[in-house]
Amino acid sequence: MAFALDNYLQSGFDYVVFSSVVAMYEDIRRPILDAITAKDYTLAA
């Protein structure tokens, strides 16, 4: 999940919408977000 999100964020899209039942749990979501290396994005939860 982190790899796919990171690629989309680095591709220059204006918006990236990610929806996953699995990522609704903080203990799963946090490692995914921590693995993203893209810069200059805003997380809206």
PDB file of N, CA and C in Angstrom:
ATOM      1  N   MET A   1       0.818  -1.176   0.000  1.00  0.00           N
ATOM      2  CA  MET A   1       0.000   0.000   0.000  1.00  0.00           C
ATOM      3  C   MET A   1       0.869   1.250   0.000  1.00  0.00           C
ATOM      4  N   ALA A   2       1.899   1.254   0.831  1.00  0.00           N
ATOM      5  CA  ALA A   2       2.781   2.426   0.914  1.00  0.00           C
ATOM      6  C   ALA A   2       3.468   2.677  -0.424  1.00  0.00           C
ATOM      7  N   PHE A   3       3.903   1.628  -1.091  1.00  0.00           N
ATOM      8  CA  PHE A   3       4.578   1.772  -2.383  1.00  0.00           C
ATOM      9  C   PHE A   3       3.655   2.420  -3.409  1.00  0.00           C
ATOM     10  N   ALA A   4       2.437   1.938  -3.492  1.00  0.00           N
ATOM     11  CA  ALA A   4       1.479   2.485  -4.454  1.00  0.00           C
ATOM     12  C   ALA A   4       1.149   3.941  -4.141  1.00  0.00           C
ATOM     13  N   LEU A   5       0.886   4.243  -2.879  1.00  0.00           N
ATOM     14  CA  LEU A   5       0.591   5.616  -2.494  1.00  0.00           C
ATOM     15  C   LEU A   5       1.769   6.540  -2.778  1.00  0.00           C
ATOM     16  N   ASP A   6       2.949   6.100  -2.445  1.00  0.00           N
ATOM     17  CA  ASP A   6       4.155   6.903  -2.668  1.00  0.00           C
ATOM     18  C   ASP A   6       4.333   7.214  -4.154  1.00  0.00           C
ATOM     19  N   ASN A   7       4.120   6.221  -5.007  1.00  0.00           N
ATOM     20  CA  ASN A   7       4.232   6.447  -6.451  1.00  0.00           C
ATOM     21  C   ASN A   7       3.204   7.459  -6.946  1.00  0.00           C
ATOM     22  N   TYR A   8       1.975   7.347  -6.500  1.00  0.00           N
ATOM     23  CA  TYR A   8       0.948   8.309  -6.911  1.00  0.00           C
ATOM     24  C   TYR A   8       1.295   9.713  -6.421  1.00  0.00           C
ATOM     25  N   LEU A   9       1.731   9.834  -5.182  1.00  0.00           N
ATOM     26  CA  LEU A   9       2.059  11.149  -4.628  1.00  0.00           C
ATOM     27  C   LEU A   9       3.234  11.789  -5.358  1.00  0.00           C
ATOM     28  N   GLN A  10       4.174  11.002  -5.807  1.00  0.00           N
ATOM     29  CA  GLN A  10       5.333  11.536  -6.517  1.00  0.00           C
ATOM     30  C   GLN A  10       5.068  11.768  -8.005  1.00  0.00           C
ATOM     31  N   SER A  11       3.916  11.342  -8.490  1.00  0.00           N
ATOM     32  CA  SER A  11       3.587  11.483  -9.910  1.00  0.00           C
ATOM     33  C   SER A  11       3.004  12.839 -10.267  1.00  0.00           C
ATOM     34  N   GLY A  12       2.733  13.664  -9.292  1.00  0.00           N
ATOM     35  CA  GLY A  12       2.256  15.010  -9.571  1.00  0.00           C
ATOM     36  C   GLY A  12       0.754  15.159  -9.718  1.00  0.00           C
ATOM     37  N   PHE A  13      -0.009  14.175  -9.310  1.00  0.00           N
ATOM     38  CA  PHE A  13      -1.461  14.316  -9.339  1.00  0.00           C
ATOM     39  C   PHE A  13      -1.877  15.411  -8.361  1.00  0.00           C
ATOM     40  N   ASP A  14      -2.957  16.116  -8.665  1.00  0.00           N
ATOM     41  CA  ASP A  14      -3.470  17.133  -7.748  1.00  0.00           C
ATOM     42  C   ASP A  14      -4.073  16.492  -6.498  1.00  0.00           C
ATOM     43  N   TYR A  15      -4.758  15.382  -6.694  1.00  0.00           N
ATOM     44  CA  TYR A  15      -5.390  14.680  -5.577  1.00  0.00           C
ATOM     45  C   TYR A  15      -5.129  13.187  -5.697  1.00  0.00           C
ATOM     46  N   VAL A  16      -4.903  12.562  -4.564  1.00  0.00           N
ATOM     47  CA  VAL A  16      -4.814  11.106  -4.493  1.00  0.00           C
ATOM     48  C   VAL A  16      -5.770  10.685  -3.392  1.00  0.00           C
ATOM     49  N   VAL A  17      -6.770   9.919  -3.757  1.00  0.00           N
ATOM     50  CA  VAL A  17      -7.753   9.445  -2.787  1.00  0.00           C
ATOM     51  C   VAL A  17      -7.457   7.981  -2.508  1.00  0.00           C
ATOM     52  N   PHE A  18      -7.260   7.674  -1.240  1.00  0.00           N
ATOM     53  CA  PHE A  18      -6.962   6.309  -0.832  1.00  0.00           C
ATOM     54  C   PHE A  18      -8.021   5.874   0.167  1.00  0.00           C
ATOM     55  N   SER A  19      -8.667   4.790  -0.130  1.00  0.00           N
ATOM     56  CA  SER A  19      -9.695   4.269   0.752  1.00  0.00           C
ATOM     57  C   SER A  19      -9.439   2.783   0.968  1.00  0.00           C
ATOM     58  N   SER A  20      -9.388   2.391   2.226  1.00  0.00           N
ATOM     59  CA  SER A  20      -9.150   0.987   2.541  1.00  0.00           C
ATOM     60  C   SER A  20      -9.730   0.656   3.905  1.00  0.00           C
ATOM     61  N   VAL A  21     -10.443  -0.429   3.977  1.00  0.00           N
ATOM     62  CA  VAL A  21     -10.975  -0.883   5.262  1.00  0.00           C
ATOM     63  C   VAL A  21      -9.833  -1.265   6.191  1.00  0.00           C
ATOM     64  N   VAL A  22      -8.782  -1.828   5.639  1.00  0.00           N
ATOM     65  CA  VAL A  22      -7.633  -2.252   6.440  1.00  0.00           C
ATOM     66  C   VAL A  22      -6.961  -1.058   7.106  1.00  0.00           C
ATOM     67  N   ALA A  23      -6.865   0.067   6.395  1.00  0.00           N
ATOM     68  CA  ALA A  23      -6.155   1.239   6.914  1.00  0.00           C
ATOM     69  C   ALA A  23      -6.973   2.049   7.909  1.00  0.00           C
ATOM     70  N   MET A  24      -8.143   1.594   8.258  1.00  0.00           N
ATOM     71  CA  MET A  24      -8.927   2.345   9.240  1.00  0.00           C
ATOM     72  C   MET A  24      -8.398   2.157  10.664  1.00  0.00           C
ATOM     73  N   TYR A  25      -7.515   1.201  10.864  1.00  0.00           N
ATOM     74  CA  TYR A  25      -6.937   0.948  12.183  1.00  0.00           C
ATOM     75  C   TYR A  25      -5.587   1.642  12.299  1.00  0.00           C
ATOM     76  N   GLU A  26      -5.403   2.445  13.339  1.00  0.00           N
ATOM     77  CA  GLU A  26      -4.196   3.244  13.517  1.00  0.00           C
ATOM     78  C   GLU A  26      -2.925   2.401  13.501  1.00  0.00           C
ATOM     79  N   ASP A  27      -2.940   1.226  14.129  1.00  0.00           N
ATOM     80  CA  ASP A  27      -1.738   0.393  14.183  1.00  0.00           C
ATOM     81  C   ASP A  27      -1.348  -0.168  12.814  1.00  0.00           C
ATOM     82  N   ILE A  28      -2.259  -0.154  11.866  1.00  0.00           N
ATOM     83  CA  ILE A  28      -1.957  -0.551  10.490  1.00  0.00           C
ATOM     84  C   ILE A  28      -1.659   0.679   9.635  1.00  0.00           C
ATOM     85  N   ARG A  29      -2.426   1.739   9.840  1.00  0.00           N
ATOM     86  CA  ARG A  29      -2.282   2.956   9.036  1.00  0.00           C
ATOM     87  C   ARG A  29      -0.938   3.651   9.267  1.00  0.00           C
ATOM     88  N   ARG A  30      -0.479   3.735  10.504  1.00  0.00           N
ATOM     89  CA  ARG A  30       0.746   4.469  10.831  1.00  0.00           C
ATOM     90  C   ARG A  30       1.970   3.933  10.086  1.00  0.00           C
ATOM     91  N   PRO A  31       2.243   2.630  10.062  1.00  0.00           N
ATOM     92  CA  PRO A  31       3.402   2.140   9.298  1.00  0.00           C
ATOM     93  C   PRO A  31       3.303   2.426   7.801  1.00  0.00           C
ATOM     94  N   ILE A  32       2.097   2.407   7.266  1.00  0.00           N
ATOM     95  CA  ILE A  32       1.917   2.721   5.845  1.00  0.00           C
ATOM     96  C   ILE A  32       2.308   4.170   5.591  1.00  0.00           C
ATOM     97  N   LEU A  33       1.803   5.079   6.407  1.00  0.00           N
ATOM     98  CA  LEU A  33       2.117   6.498   6.229  1.00  0.00           C
ATOM     99  C   LEU A  33       3.586   6.790   6.501  1.00  0.00           C
ATOM    100  N   ASP A  34       4.171   6.115   7.466  1.00  0.00           N
ATOM    101  CA  ASP A  34       5.590   6.329   7.782  1.00  0.00           C
ATOM    102  C   ASP A  34       6.509   5.869   6.659  1.00  0.00           C
ATOM    103  N   ALA A  35       6.058   4.940   5.835  1.00  0.00           N
ATOM    104  CA  ALA A  35       6.881   4.410   4.749  1.00  0.00           C
ATOM    105  C   ALA A  35       6.844   5.277   3.492  1.00  0.00           C
ATOM    106  N   ILE A  36       5.970   6.263   3.472  1.00  0.00           N
ATOM    107  CA  ILE A  36       5.862   7.147   2.297  1.00  0.00           C
ATOM    108  C   ILE A  36       7.004   8.153   2.322  1.00  0.00           C
ATOM    109  N   THR A  37       7.722   8.246   1.209  1.00  0.00           N
ATOM    110  CA  THR A  37       8.860   9.155   1.131  1.00  0.00           C
ATOM    111  C   THR A  37       8.542  10.445   0.370  1.00  0.00           C
ATOM    112  N   ALA A  38       7.366  10.536  -0.224  1.00  0.00           N
ATOM    113  CA  ALA A  38       6.967  11.739  -0.961  1.00  0.00           C
ATOM    114  C   ALA A  38       6.934  12.936  -0.012  1.00  0.00           C
ATOM    115  N   LYS A  39       7.173  14.094  -0.568  1.00  0.00           N
ATOM    116  CA  LYS A  39       7.159  15.340   0.217  1.00  0.00           C
ATOM    117  C   LYS A  39       6.035  16.231  -0.286  1.00  0.00           C
ATOM    118  N   ASP A  40       5.686  17.216   0.513  1.00  0.00           N
ATOM    119  CA  ASP A  40       4.715  18.247   0.133  1.00  0.00           C
ATOM    120  C   ASP A  40       3.340  17.693  -0.202  1.00  0.00           C
ATOM    121  N   TYR A  41       2.820  16.870   0.675  1.00  0.00           N
ATOM    122  CA  TYR A  41       1.442  16.432   0.522  1.00  0.00           C
ATOM    123  C   TYR A  41       0.721  16.684   1.839  1.00  0.00           C
ATOM    124  N   THR A  42      -0.566  16.836   1.788  1.00  0.00           N
ATOM    125  CA  THR A  42      -1.370  17.070   2.970  1.00  0.00           C
ATOM    126  C   THR A  42      -2.290  15.880   3.172  1.00  0.00           C
ATOM    127  N   LEU A  43      -2.272  15.364   4.372  1.00  0.00           N
ATOM    128  CA  LEU A  43      -3.130  14.227   4.713  1.00  0.00           C
ATOM    129  C   LEU A  43      -4.460  14.752   5.244  1.00  0.00           C
ATOM    130  N   ALA A  44      -5.531  14.347   4.644  1.00  0.00           N
ATOM    131  CA  ALA A  44      -6.871  14.697   5.114  1.00  0.00           C
ATOM    132  C   ALA A  44      -7.545  13.409   5.564  1.00  0.00           C
ATOM    133  N   ALA A  45      -7.871  13.356   6.822  1.00  0.00           N
ATOM    134  CA  ALA A  45      -8.467  12.129   7.353  1.00  0.00           C
ATOM    135  C   ALA A  45      -9.880  12.367   7.815  1.00  0.00           C
TER     136      ALA A  45
END
